[in-house]
Amino acid sequence: MERCDFMSRGLKKKRTLEVEEIISLYKEGESTTRIAKLANVSSRYINKLFKSITYLESGI
């Protein structure tokens, strides 16, 4: 999967979980709020991350 700027730029310094770990937790049923706390980011950031992943996978 191709990475966009949103996933690879300087924000990584704040985020304590890798994108793959975030996706895995979500697939296991964790809420975006819980994932955000674990990753040291806001739930809004998690939702934007998922939106950007969906956009990339759709090929638009």
N, C-alpha and C. Protein backbone atom coordinates (compact mmCIF):
# COMPACT_ATOMS: atom_id res chain seq x y z
N MET A 1 0.84 -1.17 0.00
CA MET A 1 0.00 0.00 0.00
C MET A 1 0.89 1.24 0.00
N GLU A 2 0.54 2.18 -0.86
CA GLU A 2 1.29 3.42 -0.96
C GLU A 2 0.97 4.32 0.23
N ARG A 3 1.97 4.92 0.78
CA ARG A 3 1.78 5.82 1.94
C ARG A 3 1.56 7.24 1.46
N CYS A 4 0.67 7.95 2.12
CA CYS A 4 0.50 9.37 1.80
C CYS A 4 1.24 10.19 2.86
N ASP A 5 1.36 11.48 2.61
CA ASP A 5 2.06 12.36 3.54
C ASP A 5 1.48 12.28 4.94
N PHE A 6 0.17 12.16 5.03
CA PHE A 6 -0.49 12.15 6.33
C PHE A 6 0.05 11.05 7.24
N MET A 7 0.38 9.91 6.66
CA MET A 7 0.84 8.78 7.46
C MET A 7 2.34 8.80 7.72
N SER A 8 3.10 9.50 6.91
CA SER A 8 4.55 9.37 7.02
C SER A 8 5.28 10.63 7.46
N ARG A 9 4.60 11.76 7.52
CA ARG A 9 5.32 12.99 7.87
C ARG A 9 5.61 13.06 9.37
N GLY A 10 6.06 14.18 9.85
CA GLY A 10 6.54 14.37 11.20
C GLY A 10 5.60 13.98 12.32
N LEU A 11 4.32 13.74 12.04
CA LEU A 11 3.39 13.37 13.09
C LEU A 11 3.77 12.05 13.76
N LYS A 12 4.58 11.26 13.11
CA LYS A 12 5.03 9.98 13.67
C LYS A 12 5.72 10.18 15.01
N LYS A 13 6.32 11.32 15.20
CA LYS A 13 7.02 11.59 16.46
C LYS A 13 6.08 11.53 17.65
N LYS A 14 4.85 11.94 17.45
CA LYS A 14 3.88 11.95 18.54
C LYS A 14 3.19 10.58 18.68
N ARG A 15 2.91 9.95 17.55
CA ARG A 15 2.17 8.69 17.55
C ARG A 15 3.06 7.56 18.07
N THR A 16 2.56 6.81 19.03
CA THR A 16 3.36 5.75 19.64
C THR A 16 3.06 4.36 19.08
N LEU A 17 2.09 4.26 18.16
CA LEU A 17 1.78 2.99 17.51
C LEU A 17 1.97 3.14 16.00
N GLU A 18 2.40 2.09 15.36
CA GLU A 18 2.51 2.08 13.91
C GLU A 18 1.11 1.97 13.30
N VAL A 19 0.99 2.40 12.05
CA VAL A 19 -0.30 2.36 11.36
C VAL A 19 -0.85 0.93 11.35
N GLU A 20 0.01 -0.03 11.11
CA GLU A 20 -0.42 -1.43 11.06
C GLU A 20 -0.99 -1.88 12.40
N GLU A 21 -0.39 -1.42 13.51
CA GLU A 21 -0.89 -1.76 14.84
C GLU A 21 -2.26 -1.12 15.09
N ILE A 22 -2.42 0.10 14.63
CA ILE A 22 -3.70 0.80 14.78
C ILE A 22 -4.80 0.07 14.03
N ILE A 23 -4.50 -0.33 12.80
CA ILE A 23 -5.48 -1.06 11.99
C ILE A 23 -5.83 -2.38 12.66
N SER A 24 -4.82 -3.08 13.15
CA SER A 24 -5.04 -4.36 13.81
C SER A 24 -5.95 -4.22 15.04
N LEU A 25 -5.70 -3.21 15.85
CA LEU A 25 -6.53 -2.98 17.03
C LEU A 25 -7.97 -2.69 16.64
N TYR A 26 -8.16 -1.91 15.59
CA TYR A 26 -9.50 -1.58 15.13
C TYR A 26 -10.23 -2.83 14.64
N LYS A 27 -9.51 -3.68 13.89
CA LYS A 27 -10.10 -4.93 13.39
C LYS A 27 -10.47 -5.87 14.54
N GLU A 28 -9.73 -5.77 15.65
CA GLU A 28 -10.02 -6.59 16.82
C GLU A 28 -11.19 -6.05 17.63
N GLY A 29 -11.71 -4.88 17.24
CA GLY A 29 -12.89 -4.35 17.90
C GLY A 29 -12.66 -3.19 18.85
N GLU A 30 -11.42 -2.70 18.94
CA GLU A 30 -11.14 -1.56 19.82
C GLU A 30 -11.77 -0.29 19.23
N SER A 31 -12.22 0.59 20.10
CA SER A 31 -12.81 1.85 19.64
C SER A 31 -11.71 2.81 19.21
N THR A 32 -12.09 3.78 18.39
CA THR A 32 -11.10 4.77 17.95
C THR A 32 -10.62 5.61 19.14
N THR A 33 -11.48 5.82 20.12
CA THR A 33 -11.09 6.57 21.31
C THR A 33 -10.02 5.82 22.10
N ARG A 34 -10.22 4.53 22.28
CA ARG A 34 -9.25 3.70 23.00
C ARG A 34 -7.92 3.62 22.24
N ILE A 35 -8.01 3.43 20.92
CA ILE A 35 -6.81 3.37 20.10
C ILE A 35 -6.05 4.68 20.18
N ALA A 36 -6.77 5.78 20.15
CA ALA A 36 -6.15 7.10 20.23
C ALA A 36 -5.37 7.25 21.53
N LYS A 37 -5.95 6.81 22.62
CA LYS A 37 -5.25 6.89 23.91
C LYS A 37 -3.98 6.05 23.91
N LEU A 38 -4.08 4.85 23.35
CA LEU A 38 -2.91 3.97 23.28
C LEU A 38 -1.82 4.54 22.38
N ALA A 39 -2.24 5.23 21.31
CA ALA A 39 -1.29 5.77 20.33
C ALA A 39 -0.81 7.17 20.67
N ASN A 40 -1.34 7.75 21.75
CA ASN A 40 -0.95 9.09 22.18
C ASN A 40 -1.32 10.17 21.15
N VAL A 41 -2.49 10.00 20.53
CA VAL A 41 -3.01 10.98 19.58
C VAL A 41 -4.49 11.19 19.86
N SER A 42 -5.13 12.09 19.13
CA SER A 42 -6.56 12.32 19.30
C SER A 42 -7.37 11.30 18.50
N SER A 43 -8.62 11.12 18.89
CA SER A 43 -9.49 10.22 18.13
C SER A 43 -9.75 10.81 16.75
N ARG A 44 -9.72 12.13 16.64
CA ARG A 44 -9.87 12.78 15.33
C ARG A 44 -8.72 12.37 14.41
N TYR A 45 -7.51 12.29 14.94
CA TYR A 45 -6.35 11.86 14.16
C TYR A 45 -6.57 10.43 13.64
N ILE A 46 -7.05 9.54 14.52
CA ILE A 46 -7.30 8.15 14.13
C ILE A 46 -8.33 8.10 13.00
N ASN A 47 -9.40 8.86 13.15
CA ASN A 47 -10.44 8.87 12.12
C ASN A 47 -9.91 9.41 10.79
N LYS A 48 -9.07 10.45 10.83
CA LYS A 48 -8.46 10.98 9.61
C LYS A 48 -7.52 9.95 8.99
N LEU A 49 -6.81 9.23 9.81
CA LEU A 49 -5.92 8.19 9.33
C LEU A 49 -6.70 7.12 8.59
N PHE A 50 -7.81 6.65 9.18
CA PHE A 50 -8.64 5.64 8.52
C PHE A 50 -9.24 6.18 7.23
N LYS A 51 -9.63 7.43 7.24
CA LYS A 51 -10.19 8.04 6.03
C LYS A 51 -9.15 8.09 4.91
N SER A 52 -7.91 8.42 5.25
CA SER A 52 -6.86 8.50 4.24
C SER A 52 -6.50 7.10 3.72
N ILE A 53 -6.55 6.10 4.60
CA ILE A 53 -6.29 4.72 4.17
C ILE A 53 -7.38 4.26 3.21
N THR A 54 -8.63 4.55 3.54
CA THR A 54 -9.75 4.19 2.67
C THR A 54 -9.62 4.86 1.32
N TYR A 55 -9.23 6.13 1.32
CA TYR A 55 -9.04 6.87 0.09
C TYR A 55 -7.96 6.22 -0.78
N LEU A 56 -6.85 5.84 -0.18
CA LEU A 56 -5.76 5.21 -0.92
C LEU A 56 -6.18 3.85 -1.48
N GLU A 57 -6.91 3.09 -0.68
CA GLU A 57 -7.33 1.76 -1.13
C GLU A 57 -8.38 1.81 -2.24
N SER A 58 -9.16 2.89 -2.28
CA SER A 58 -10.20 3.01 -3.29
C SER A 58 -9.61 3.34 -4.66
N GLY A 59 -8.38 3.88 -4.67
CA GLY A 59 -7.72 4.19 -5.92
C GLY A 59 -8.21 5.45 -6.59
N ILE A 60 -8.94 6.26 -5.88
CA ILE A 60 -9.48 7.50 -6.47
C ILE A 60 -8.37 8.53 -6.59
